[in-house]
């Protein structure tokens, strides 16, 4: 399937779990299509870009190791994504990557995720935190930054400052996640 054919197929992807799952499974069965999917995802001004992001998120949710061959491409281009409905899945994928990376169990993400990848993810997530994004990308970014803050000692103070500064201006959902993350940061910091 060419990129053009995949682009046409993505017109059929909608918010339903069934459609996203169908196309995510198609990507898993045909990993040679993933570069085409990412090509479409990074056409950031195109209305089909979010649909590619939804499929990629579902694929990564089912098997986070599927992102490994594309970590460099993904982390190099994710900052370009700006449509709200594409930003959320990109932020979620960052969270999934860092959850796997922080897992106590040995896994392939731990060896595949480079310093450069982590730094790009940190930068992107801080951008989501300070820019006018919706709550979901901010919530995923908080968690991502919490996980990477275990390794980068400057992240917790910066994240704490942002969460405390934004707290009164944000929604109840933001506040709930922020309280949770601040409590985890305090606990992690007291261990050091």
N, C-alpha and C. Protein backbone atom coordinates (compact mmCIF):
# COMPACT_ATOMS: atom_id res chain seq x y z
N UNK A 1 0.85 -1.18 0.00
CA UNK A 1 0.00 0.00 0.00
C UNK A 1 0.90 1.24 0.00
N UNK A 2 0.62 2.14 -0.88
CA UNK A 2 1.40 3.38 -0.97
C UNK A 2 0.93 4.38 0.09
N UNK A 3 1.69 5.44 0.25
CA UNK A 3 1.29 6.49 1.18
C UNK A 3 -0.05 7.09 0.73
N UNK A 4 -0.20 7.25 -0.59
CA UNK A 4 -1.44 7.82 -1.12
C UNK A 4 -2.64 6.92 -0.80
N UNK A 5 -2.44 5.60 -0.96
CA UNK A 5 -3.53 4.66 -0.65
C UNK A 5 -3.85 4.66 0.85
N UNK A 6 -2.80 4.71 1.67
CA UNK A 6 -3.01 4.75 3.12
C UNK A 6 -3.73 6.03 3.50
N UNK A 7 -3.34 7.13 2.88
CA UNK A 7 -3.99 8.42 3.13
C UNK A 7 -5.49 8.30 2.87
N UNK A 8 -5.86 7.67 1.77
CA UNK A 8 -7.27 7.47 1.43
C UNK A 8 -7.95 6.60 2.48
N UNK A 9 -7.27 5.53 2.90
CA UNK A 9 -7.81 4.63 3.94
C UNK A 9 -8.08 5.38 5.24
N UNK A 10 -7.18 6.30 5.59
CA UNK A 10 -7.31 7.01 6.86
C UNK A 10 -8.55 7.91 6.90
N UNK A 11 -9.14 8.17 5.75
CA UNK A 11 -10.41 8.91 5.72
C UNK A 11 -11.50 8.16 6.47
N UNK A 12 -11.35 6.84 6.59
CA UNK A 12 -12.36 6.01 7.24
C UNK A 12 -12.14 5.90 8.75
N UNK A 13 -11.02 6.42 9.24
CA UNK A 13 -10.75 6.39 10.68
C UNK A 13 -11.57 7.50 11.33
N UNK A 14 -12.25 7.14 12.40
CA UNK A 14 -13.00 8.15 13.16
C UNK A 14 -12.70 7.97 14.64
N UNK A 15 -13.48 8.61 15.48
CA UNK A 15 -13.22 8.55 16.92
C UNK A 15 -13.56 7.18 17.53
N UNK A 16 -14.20 6.32 16.77
CA UNK A 16 -14.60 5.03 17.35
C UNK A 16 -13.38 4.16 17.63
N UNK A 17 -13.43 3.50 18.75
CA UNK A 17 -12.36 2.59 19.15
C UNK A 17 -12.18 1.49 18.10
N UNK A 18 -13.28 1.04 17.56
CA UNK A 18 -13.26 -0.05 16.58
C UNK A 18 -12.42 0.31 15.34
N UNK A 19 -12.63 1.48 14.80
CA UNK A 19 -11.89 1.91 13.60
C UNK A 19 -10.40 2.12 13.91
N UNK A 20 -10.10 2.76 15.03
CA UNK A 20 -8.70 2.99 15.40
C UNK A 20 -7.98 1.67 15.60
N UNK A 21 -8.67 0.75 16.27
CA UNK A 21 -8.09 -0.56 16.53
C UNK A 21 -7.86 -1.33 15.23
N UNK A 22 -8.81 -1.27 14.34
CA UNK A 22 -8.69 -1.96 13.05
C UNK A 22 -7.43 -1.51 12.32
N UNK A 23 -7.23 -0.20 12.23
CA UNK A 23 -6.07 0.32 11.49
C UNK A 23 -4.77 0.13 12.26
N UNK A 24 -4.84 0.18 13.59
CA UNK A 24 -3.63 -0.10 14.39
C UNK A 24 -3.19 -1.55 14.18
N UNK A 25 -4.14 -2.46 14.14
CA UNK A 25 -3.82 -3.87 13.90
C UNK A 25 -3.28 -4.07 12.49
N UNK A 26 -3.80 -3.31 11.55
CA UNK A 26 -3.29 -3.38 10.18
C UNK A 26 -1.81 -2.95 10.16
N UNK A 27 -1.47 -1.92 10.92
CA UNK A 27 -0.08 -1.46 11.00
C UNK A 27 0.82 -2.52 11.63
N UNK A 28 0.29 -3.21 12.64
CA UNK A 28 1.08 -4.24 13.30
C UNK A 28 1.33 -5.43 12.36
N UNK A 29 0.32 -5.75 11.57
CA UNK A 29 0.47 -6.87 10.61
C UNK A 29 1.37 -6.48 9.44
N UNK A 30 1.39 -5.18 9.14
CA UNK A 30 2.17 -4.68 7.99
C UNK A 30 3.06 -3.52 8.44
N UNK A 31 4.10 -3.83 9.23
CA UNK A 31 4.95 -2.75 9.76
C UNK A 31 5.64 -1.92 8.68
N UNK A 32 5.70 -2.45 7.47
CA UNK A 32 6.29 -1.68 6.37
C UNK A 32 5.46 -0.44 6.05
N UNK A 33 4.21 -0.39 6.55
CA UNK A 33 3.34 0.76 6.32
C UNK A 33 3.55 1.89 7.34
N UNK A 34 4.22 1.58 8.45
CA UNK A 34 4.37 2.58 9.51
C UNK A 34 5.09 3.85 9.02
N UNK A 35 6.16 3.75 8.21
CA UNK A 35 6.77 5.00 7.71
C UNK A 35 5.77 5.86 6.93
N UNK A 36 4.88 5.22 6.18
CA UNK A 36 3.85 5.97 5.44
C UNK A 36 2.89 6.65 6.42
N UNK A 37 2.53 5.91 7.49
CA UNK A 37 1.64 6.46 8.50
C UNK A 37 2.28 7.69 9.16
N UNK A 38 3.56 7.59 9.48
CA UNK A 38 4.26 8.72 10.11
C UNK A 38 4.42 9.89 9.14
N UNK A 39 4.61 9.58 7.88
CA UNK A 39 4.68 10.63 6.87
C UNK A 39 3.38 11.44 6.89
N UNK A 40 2.26 10.75 6.99
CA UNK A 40 0.96 11.43 7.02
C UNK A 40 0.78 12.16 8.35
N UNK A 41 1.18 11.54 9.46
CA UNK A 41 1.06 12.17 10.77
C UNK A 41 1.81 13.51 10.79
N UNK A 42 2.99 13.54 10.16
CA UNK A 42 3.79 14.76 10.20
C UNK A 42 3.47 15.75 9.08
N UNK A 43 2.38 15.53 8.37
CA UNK A 43 1.83 16.56 7.48
C UNK A 43 0.92 17.40 8.37
N UNK A 44 1.53 18.20 9.19
CA UNK A 44 0.88 18.78 10.36
C UNK A 44 -0.27 19.74 10.09
N UNK A 45 -0.40 20.22 8.88
CA UNK A 45 -1.51 21.13 8.56
C UNK A 45 -2.66 20.41 7.85
N UNK A 46 -2.52 19.12 7.69
CA UNK A 46 -3.50 18.31 6.96
C UNK A 46 -4.53 17.74 7.93
N UNK A 47 -5.80 17.78 7.55
CA UNK A 47 -6.86 17.29 8.43
C UNK A 47 -6.77 15.78 8.67
N UNK A 48 -6.03 15.05 7.86
CA UNK A 48 -5.87 13.60 8.04
C UNK A 48 -4.75 13.29 9.03
N UNK A 49 -3.88 14.24 9.30
CA UNK A 49 -2.77 14.05 10.24
C UNK A 49 -3.24 13.50 11.60
N UNK A 50 -4.30 14.06 12.20
CA UNK A 50 -4.74 13.52 13.49
C UNK A 50 -5.19 12.05 13.41
N UNK A 51 -5.75 11.68 12.29
CA UNK A 51 -6.20 10.29 12.13
C UNK A 51 -5.01 9.34 12.14
N UNK A 52 -3.93 9.75 11.50
CA UNK A 52 -2.69 8.96 11.53
C UNK A 52 -2.16 8.90 12.95
N UNK A 53 -2.26 10.01 13.68
CA UNK A 53 -1.80 10.06 15.08
C UNK A 53 -2.62 9.11 15.95
N UNK A 54 -3.93 9.06 15.72
CA UNK A 54 -4.79 8.17 16.50
C UNK A 54 -4.39 6.70 16.27
N UNK A 55 -4.15 6.37 15.02
CA UNK A 55 -3.77 4.99 14.68
C UNK A 55 -2.42 4.66 15.30
N UNK A 56 -1.48 5.58 15.19
CA UNK A 56 -0.14 5.33 15.75
C UNK A 56 -0.22 5.18 17.27
N UNK A 57 -1.05 5.99 17.92
CA UNK A 57 -1.23 5.87 19.37
C UNK A 57 -1.78 4.50 19.73
N UNK A 58 -2.80 4.05 19.02
CA UNK A 58 -3.38 2.73 19.31
C UNK A 58 -2.37 1.62 19.08
N UNK A 59 -1.57 1.77 18.04
CA UNK A 59 -0.53 0.78 17.75
C UNK A 59 0.48 0.73 18.90
N UNK A 60 0.90 1.89 19.37
CA UNK A 60 1.86 1.96 20.47
C UNK A 60 1.25 1.48 21.79
N UNK A 61 -0.03 1.74 21.99
CA UNK A 61 -0.71 1.28 23.20
C UNK A 61 -0.76 -0.25 23.24
N UNK A 62 -0.96 -0.85 22.08
CA UNK A 62 -1.02 -2.31 22.00
C UNK A 62 0.36 -2.93 22.15
N UNK A 63 1.37 -2.27 21.60
CA UNK A 63 2.74 -2.80 21.65
C UNK A 63 3.71 -1.64 21.55
N UNK A 64 4.18 -1.17 22.69
CA UNK A 64 5.06 0.00 22.70
C UNK A 64 6.36 -0.26 21.96
N UNK A 65 6.79 -1.50 21.89
CA UNK A 65 8.02 -1.81 21.15
C UNK A 65 7.90 -1.52 19.66
N UNK A 66 6.69 -1.39 19.17
CA UNK A 66 6.48 -1.08 17.75
C UNK A 66 7.04 0.30 17.40
N UNK A 67 7.20 1.17 18.39
CA UNK A 67 7.72 2.53 18.13
C UNK A 67 9.24 2.53 17.96
N UNK A 68 9.91 1.50 18.44
CA UNK A 68 11.38 1.51 18.50
C UNK A 68 12.06 1.87 17.18
N UNK A 69 11.70 1.24 16.06
CA UNK A 69 12.40 1.60 14.81
C UNK A 69 12.16 3.06 14.38
N UNK A 70 11.16 3.70 14.99
CA UNK A 70 10.76 5.05 14.56
C UNK A 70 11.00 6.10 15.64
N UNK A 71 11.70 5.73 16.71
CA UNK A 71 11.94 6.68 17.81
C UNK A 71 12.62 7.96 17.32
N UNK A 72 13.61 7.80 16.47
CA UNK A 72 14.33 8.98 15.99
C UNK A 72 13.41 9.86 15.15
N UNK A 73 12.73 9.28 14.20
CA UNK A 73 11.80 10.02 13.34
C UNK A 73 10.70 10.68 14.17
N UNK A 74 10.13 9.92 15.08
CA UNK A 74 9.03 10.43 15.90
C UNK A 74 9.49 11.60 16.77
N UNK A 75 10.58 11.40 17.51
CA UNK A 75 11.02 12.45 18.44
C UNK A 75 11.56 13.68 17.71
N UNK A 76 12.08 13.47 16.52
CA UNK A 76 12.63 14.60 15.74
C UNK A 76 11.51 15.49 15.19
N UNK A 77 10.34 14.91 14.94
CA UNK A 77 9.26 15.65 14.28
C UNK A 77 8.06 15.97 15.15
N UNK A 78 7.96 15.39 16.33
CA UNK A 78 6.74 15.54 17.13
C UNK A 78 6.45 17.00 17.51
N UNK A 79 7.49 17.82 17.63
CA UNK A 79 7.29 19.22 18.01
C UNK A 79 6.54 20.01 16.94
N UNK A 80 6.49 19.50 15.73
CA UNK A 80 5.81 20.19 14.63
C UNK A 80 4.29 20.05 14.70
N UNK A 81 3.83 18.99 15.36
CA UNK A 81 2.40 18.68 15.43
C UNK A 81 1.70 19.76 16.26
N UNK A 82 0.62 20.34 15.69
CA UNK A 82 -0.04 21.44 16.39
C UNK A 82 -1.56 21.34 16.41
N UNK A 83 -2.17 20.53 15.57
CA UNK A 83 -3.62 20.40 15.60
C UNK A 83 -4.00 19.68 16.89
N UNK A 84 -4.96 20.24 17.64
CA UNK A 84 -5.33 19.69 18.95
C UNK A 84 -5.57 18.18 18.93
N UNK A 85 -6.29 17.72 17.92
CA UNK A 85 -6.64 16.30 17.89
C UNK A 85 -5.45 15.40 17.53
N UNK A 86 -4.34 15.98 17.11
CA UNK A 86 -3.11 15.21 16.87
C UNK A 86 -2.13 15.37 18.04
N UNK A 87 -2.18 16.50 18.72
CA UNK A 87 -1.28 16.75 19.85
C UNK A 87 -1.56 15.74 20.97
N UNK A 88 -2.83 15.48 21.26
CA UNK A 88 -3.17 14.56 22.35
C UNK A 88 -2.55 13.18 22.16
N UNK A 89 -2.71 12.52 20.99
CA UNK A 89 -2.08 11.21 20.83
C UNK A 89 -0.55 11.26 20.86
N UNK A 90 0.04 12.34 20.36
CA UNK A 90 1.50 12.46 20.41
C UNK A 90 1.96 12.52 21.87
N UNK A 91 1.25 13.31 22.69
CA UNK A 91 1.59 13.40 24.11
C UNK A 91 1.39 12.04 24.80
N UNK A 92 0.34 11.33 24.41
CA UNK A 92 0.07 10.01 24.99
C UNK A 92 1.19 9.03 24.63
N UNK A 93 1.67 9.08 23.40
CA UNK A 93 2.76 8.19 22.97
C UNK A 93 4.02 8.50 23.79
N UNK A 94 4.29 9.77 24.03
CA UNK A 94 5.44 10.13 24.89
C UNK A 94 5.28 9.51 26.27
N UNK A 95 4.08 9.58 26.81
CA UNK A 95 3.82 8.98 28.12
C UNK A 95 4.04 7.47 28.08
N UNK A 96 3.53 6.81 27.05
CA UNK A 96 3.70 5.36 26.92
C UNK A 96 5.18 4.97 26.83
N UNK A 97 5.94 5.74 26.06
CA UNK A 97 7.38 5.47 25.91
C UNK A 97 8.08 5.58 27.27
N UNK A 98 7.79 6.66 27.99
CA UNK A 98 8.49 6.88 29.26
C UNK A 98 8.00 5.93 30.35
N UNK A 99 6.75 5.51 30.28
CA UNK A 99 6.27 4.49 31.23
C UNK A 99 7.04 3.20 31.03
N UNK A 100 7.22 2.81 29.78
CA UNK A 100 7.98 1.59 29.49
C UNK A 100 9.44 1.77 29.92
N UNK A 101 9.98 2.93 29.64
CA UNK A 101 11.38 3.21 29.98
C UNK A 101 11.60 3.16 31.50
N UNK A 102 10.62 3.62 32.25
CA UNK A 102 10.74 3.68 33.71
C UNK A 102 10.34 2.39 34.41
N UNK A 103 9.81 1.46 33.66
CA UNK A 103 9.37 0.19 34.22
C UNK A 103 10.54 -0.54 34.88
N UNK A 104 10.27 -1.17 36.00
CA UNK A 104 11.33 -1.91 36.70
C UNK A 104 11.80 -3.13 35.91
N UNK A 105 10.89 -3.70 35.12
CA UNK A 105 11.21 -4.87 34.30
C UNK A 105 12.10 -4.45 33.13
N UNK A 106 13.01 -5.31 32.76
CA UNK A 106 13.84 -5.05 31.58
C UNK A 106 12.94 -5.07 30.34
N UNK A 107 13.18 -4.16 29.41
CA UNK A 107 12.42 -4.15 28.16
C UNK A 107 13.25 -3.46 27.08
N UNK A 108 12.79 -3.58 25.86
CA UNK A 108 13.55 -3.07 24.71
C UNK A 108 13.60 -1.54 24.65
N UNK A 109 12.59 -0.88 25.18
CA UNK A 109 12.58 0.58 25.18
C UNK A 109 13.76 1.12 25.98
N UNK A 110 14.09 0.45 27.08
CA UNK A 110 15.20 0.92 27.93
C UNK A 110 16.51 1.02 27.16
N UNK A 111 16.73 0.10 26.25
CA UNK A 111 17.98 0.14 25.48
C UNK A 111 17.86 0.99 24.22
N UNK A 112 16.65 1.13 23.70
CA UNK A 112 16.46 1.87 22.44
C UNK A 112 16.36 3.38 22.64
N UNK A 113 15.86 3.81 23.79
CA UNK A 113 15.65 5.24 24.02
C UNK A 113 16.98 5.90 24.36
N UNK A 114 17.41 6.78 23.49
CA UNK A 114 18.71 7.44 23.67
C UNK A 114 18.56 8.74 24.46
N UNK A 115 19.69 9.29 24.84
CA UNK A 115 19.71 10.58 25.53
C UNK A 115 19.04 11.65 24.66
N UNK A 116 19.33 11.62 23.37
CA UNK A 116 18.73 12.59 22.45
C UNK A 116 17.21 12.45 22.41
N UNK A 117 16.72 11.21 22.33
CA UNK A 117 15.26 10.98 22.33
C UNK A 117 14.64 11.55 23.60
N UNK A 118 15.26 11.25 24.75
CA UNK A 118 14.72 11.71 26.03
C UNK A 118 14.71 13.23 26.09
N UNK A 119 15.76 13.86 25.63
CA UNK A 119 15.83 15.32 25.66
C UNK A 119 14.77 15.95 24.75
N UNK A 120 14.54 15.34 23.60
CA UNK A 120 13.49 15.85 22.70
C UNK A 120 12.12 15.70 23.35
N UNK A 121 11.89 14.57 24.00
CA UNK A 121 10.60 14.33 24.67
C UNK A 121 10.41 15.35 25.79
N UNK A 122 11.45 15.58 26.57
CA UNK A 122 11.37 16.56 27.67
C UNK A 122 11.03 17.95 27.11
N UNK A 123 11.74 18.35 26.08
CA UNK A 123 11.50 19.68 25.49
C UNK A 123 10.07 19.79 24.97
N UNK A 124 9.62 18.76 24.26
CA UNK A 124 8.27 18.78 23.70
C UNK A 124 7.21 18.84 24.81
N UNK A 125 7.41 18.05 25.86
CA UNK A 125 6.43 18.03 26.95
C UNK A 125 6.42 19.34 27.72
N UNK A 126 7.57 19.95 27.92
CA UNK A 126 7.57 21.27 28.56
C UNK A 126 6.85 22.29 27.67
N UNK A 127 7.02 22.18 26.35
CA UNK A 127 6.28 23.07 25.45
C UNK A 127 4.77 22.88 25.62
N UNK A 128 4.32 21.62 25.73
CA UNK A 128 2.89 21.37 25.95
C UNK A 128 2.43 21.98 27.27
N UNK A 129 3.30 21.93 28.28
CA UNK A 129 2.93 22.45 29.60
C UNK A 129 2.79 23.97 29.59
N UNK A 130 3.64 24.66 28.84
CA UNK A 130 3.61 26.13 28.88
C UNK A 130 2.76 26.75 27.77
N UNK A 131 2.47 25.97 26.73
CA UNK A 131 1.64 26.50 25.64
C UNK A 131 0.17 26.32 25.97
N UNK A 132 -0.65 26.91 25.15
CA UNK A 132 -2.09 26.87 25.37
C UNK A 132 -2.65 25.56 24.80
N UNK A 133 -2.34 24.46 25.45
CA UNK A 133 -2.83 23.15 25.01
C UNK A 133 -4.02 22.76 25.88
N UNK A 134 -4.75 21.76 25.42
CA UNK A 134 -5.88 21.24 26.20
C UNK A 134 -5.33 20.44 27.38
N UNK A 135 -6.22 20.01 28.27
CA UNK A 135 -5.82 19.33 29.50
C UNK A 135 -5.12 17.99 29.23
N UNK A 136 -5.64 17.19 28.31
CA UNK A 136 -5.08 15.84 28.10
C UNK A 136 -3.59 15.87 27.75
N UNK A 137 -3.14 16.66 26.77
CA UNK A 137 -1.70 16.69 26.50
C UNK A 137 -0.88 17.18 27.69
N UNK A 138 -1.43 18.10 28.45
CA UNK A 138 -0.73 18.58 29.64
C UNK A 138 -0.63 17.46 30.68
N UNK A 139 -1.71 16.72 30.86
CA UNK A 139 -1.72 15.62 31.84
C UNK A 139 -0.71 14.54 31.44
N UNK A 140 -0.72 14.16 30.17
CA UNK A 140 0.25 13.15 29.70
C UNK A 140 1.68 13.68 29.86
N UNK A 141 1.85 14.96 29.59
CA UNK A 141 3.18 15.57 29.70
C UNK A 141 3.68 15.60 31.14
N UNK A 142 2.79 15.88 32.07
CA UNK A 142 3.18 15.87 33.49
C UNK A 142 3.75 14.51 33.87
N UNK A 143 3.04 13.46 33.47
CA UNK A 143 3.47 12.10 33.80
C UNK A 143 4.80 11.79 33.11
N UNK A 144 4.91 12.14 31.85
CA UNK A 144 6.14 11.91 31.10
C UNK A 144 7.32 12.61 31.77
N UNK A 145 7.12 13.86 32.13
CA UNK A 145 8.18 14.64 32.77
C UNK A 145 8.51 14.09 34.15
N UNK A 146 7.51 13.58 34.84
CA UNK A 146 7.78 12.95 36.14
C UNK A 146 8.72 11.76 35.95
N UNK A 147 8.42 10.90 34.98
CA UNK A 147 9.27 9.73 34.75
C UNK A 147 10.69 10.13 34.36
N UNK A 148 10.83 11.08 33.45
CA UNK A 148 12.16 11.47 33.00
C UNK A 148 12.89 12.33 34.04
N UNK A 149 12.13 12.95 34.93
CA UNK A 149 12.73 13.74 36.00
C UNK A 149 13.53 12.91 36.99
N UNK A 150 13.28 11.61 36.99
CA UNK A 150 14.07 10.71 37.84
C UNK A 150 15.52 10.67 37.38
N UNK A 151 15.72 10.96 36.10
CA UNK A 151 17.05 10.90 35.49
C UNK A 151 17.67 12.28 35.27
N UNK A 152 16.83 13.28 35.07
CA UNK A 152 17.29 14.64 34.81
C UNK A 152 16.89 15.50 36.00
N UNK A 153 17.85 15.84 36.84
CA UNK A 153 17.53 16.49 38.12
C UNK A 153 16.95 17.90 37.98
N UNK A 154 17.10 18.54 36.85
CA UNK A 154 16.56 19.89 36.67
C UNK A 154 15.07 19.87 36.32
N UNK A 155 14.53 18.69 35.95
CA UNK A 155 13.14 18.61 35.48
C UNK A 155 12.14 18.84 36.62
N UNK A 156 12.33 18.22 37.78
CA UNK A 156 11.36 18.35 38.88
C UNK A 156 11.16 19.80 39.34
N UNK A 157 12.25 20.56 39.57
CA UNK A 157 12.02 21.95 40.00
C UNK A 157 11.26 22.77 38.96
N UNK A 158 11.59 22.55 37.69
CA UNK A 158 10.93 23.29 36.61
C UNK A 158 9.46 22.87 36.48
N UNK A 159 9.20 21.58 36.53
CA UNK A 159 7.83 21.07 36.45
C UNK A 159 7.02 21.55 37.65
N UNK A 160 7.59 21.49 38.83
CA UNK A 160 6.90 21.95 40.04
C UNK A 160 6.51 23.41 39.91
N UNK A 161 7.45 24.23 39.43
CA UNK A 161 7.17 25.66 39.26
C UNK A 161 6.00 25.88 38.31
N UNK A 162 6.01 25.18 37.18
CA UNK A 162 4.94 25.34 36.18
C UNK A 162 3.60 24.89 36.76
N UNK A 163 3.58 23.75 37.42
CA UNK A 163 2.33 23.23 37.98
C UNK A 163 1.78 24.18 39.04
N UNK A 164 2.64 24.69 39.89
CA UNK A 164 2.18 25.60 40.94
C UNK A 164 1.73 26.94 40.37
N UNK A 165 2.44 27.45 39.37
CA UNK A 165 2.06 28.73 38.75
C UNK A 165 0.74 28.64 38.01
N UNK A 166 0.50 27.50 37.34
CA UNK A 166 -0.72 27.33 36.52
C UNK A 166 -1.91 26.82 37.31
N UNK A 167 -1.68 26.35 38.50
CA UNK A 167 -2.71 25.63 39.25
C UNK A 167 -4.04 26.38 39.31
N UNK A 168 -4.02 27.63 39.71
CA UNK A 168 -5.28 28.38 39.91
C UNK A 168 -5.99 28.69 38.60
N UNK A 169 -5.26 28.68 37.48
CA UNK A 169 -5.85 29.05 36.19
C UNK A 169 -6.42 27.86 35.42
N UNK A 170 -6.22 26.65 35.94
CA UNK A 170 -6.54 25.46 35.15
C UNK A 170 -7.83 24.78 35.61
N UNK A 171 -8.24 23.78 34.84
CA UNK A 171 -9.47 23.04 35.11
C UNK A 171 -9.30 22.08 36.29
N UNK A 172 -10.41 21.52 36.72
CA UNK A 172 -10.39 20.55 37.81
C UNK A 172 -9.57 19.31 37.43
N UNK A 173 -9.66 18.90 36.18
CA UNK A 173 -8.90 17.73 35.72
C UNK A 173 -7.39 18.00 35.79
N UNK A 174 -6.99 19.18 35.37
CA UNK A 174 -5.58 19.57 35.45
C UNK A 174 -5.13 19.57 36.91
N UNK A 175 -5.93 20.19 37.77
CA UNK A 175 -5.58 20.29 39.18
C UNK A 175 -5.43 18.92 39.83
N UNK A 176 -6.32 18.01 39.48
CA UNK A 176 -6.25 16.66 40.05
C UNK A 176 -4.95 15.96 39.66
N UNK A 177 -4.60 16.03 38.37
CA UNK A 177 -3.36 15.40 37.92
C UNK A 177 -2.16 16.12 38.51
N UNK A 178 -2.22 17.43 38.56
CA UNK A 178 -1.10 18.22 39.10
C UNK A 178 -0.85 17.86 40.57
N UNK A 179 -1.91 17.76 41.37
CA UNK A 179 -1.77 17.37 42.78
C UNK A 179 -1.10 16.01 42.89
N UNK A 180 -1.54 15.08 42.06
CA UNK A 180 -0.99 13.72 42.05
C UNK A 180 0.51 13.74 41.71
N UNK A 181 0.87 14.46 40.68
CA UNK A 181 2.27 14.53 40.24
C UNK A 181 3.13 15.27 41.27
N UNK A 182 2.61 16.35 41.82
CA UNK A 182 3.37 17.09 42.84
C UNK A 182 3.65 16.22 44.07
N UNK A 183 2.66 15.41 44.44
CA UNK A 183 2.84 14.50 45.57
C UNK A 183 3.93 13.46 45.25
N UNK A 184 3.92 12.95 44.01
CA UNK A 184 4.93 11.96 43.60
C UNK A 184 6.33 12.60 43.55
N UNK A 185 6.41 13.84 43.09
CA UNK A 185 7.69 14.54 43.03
C UNK A 185 8.24 14.72 44.45
N UNK A 186 7.36 15.15 45.35
CA UNK A 186 7.77 15.36 46.74
C UNK A 186 8.29 14.06 47.36
N UNK A 187 7.57 12.98 47.10
CA UNK A 187 7.97 11.66 47.62
C UNK A 187 9.32 11.23 47.02
N UNK A 188 9.45 11.39 45.71
CA UNK A 188 10.71 11.01 45.03
C UNK A 188 11.87 11.87 45.51
N UNK A 189 11.63 13.15 45.70
CA UNK A 189 12.68 14.07 46.14
C UNK A 189 13.11 13.79 47.57
N UNK A 190 12.17 13.34 48.40
CA UNK A 190 12.53 13.07 49.80
C UNK A 190 13.40 11.81 49.94
N UNK A 191 13.35 10.95 48.93
CA UNK A 191 14.19 9.74 48.94
C UNK A 191 15.65 10.06 48.64
N UNK A 192 15.87 11.18 47.96
CA UNK A 192 17.24 11.55 47.55
C UNK A 192 17.99 12.29 48.60
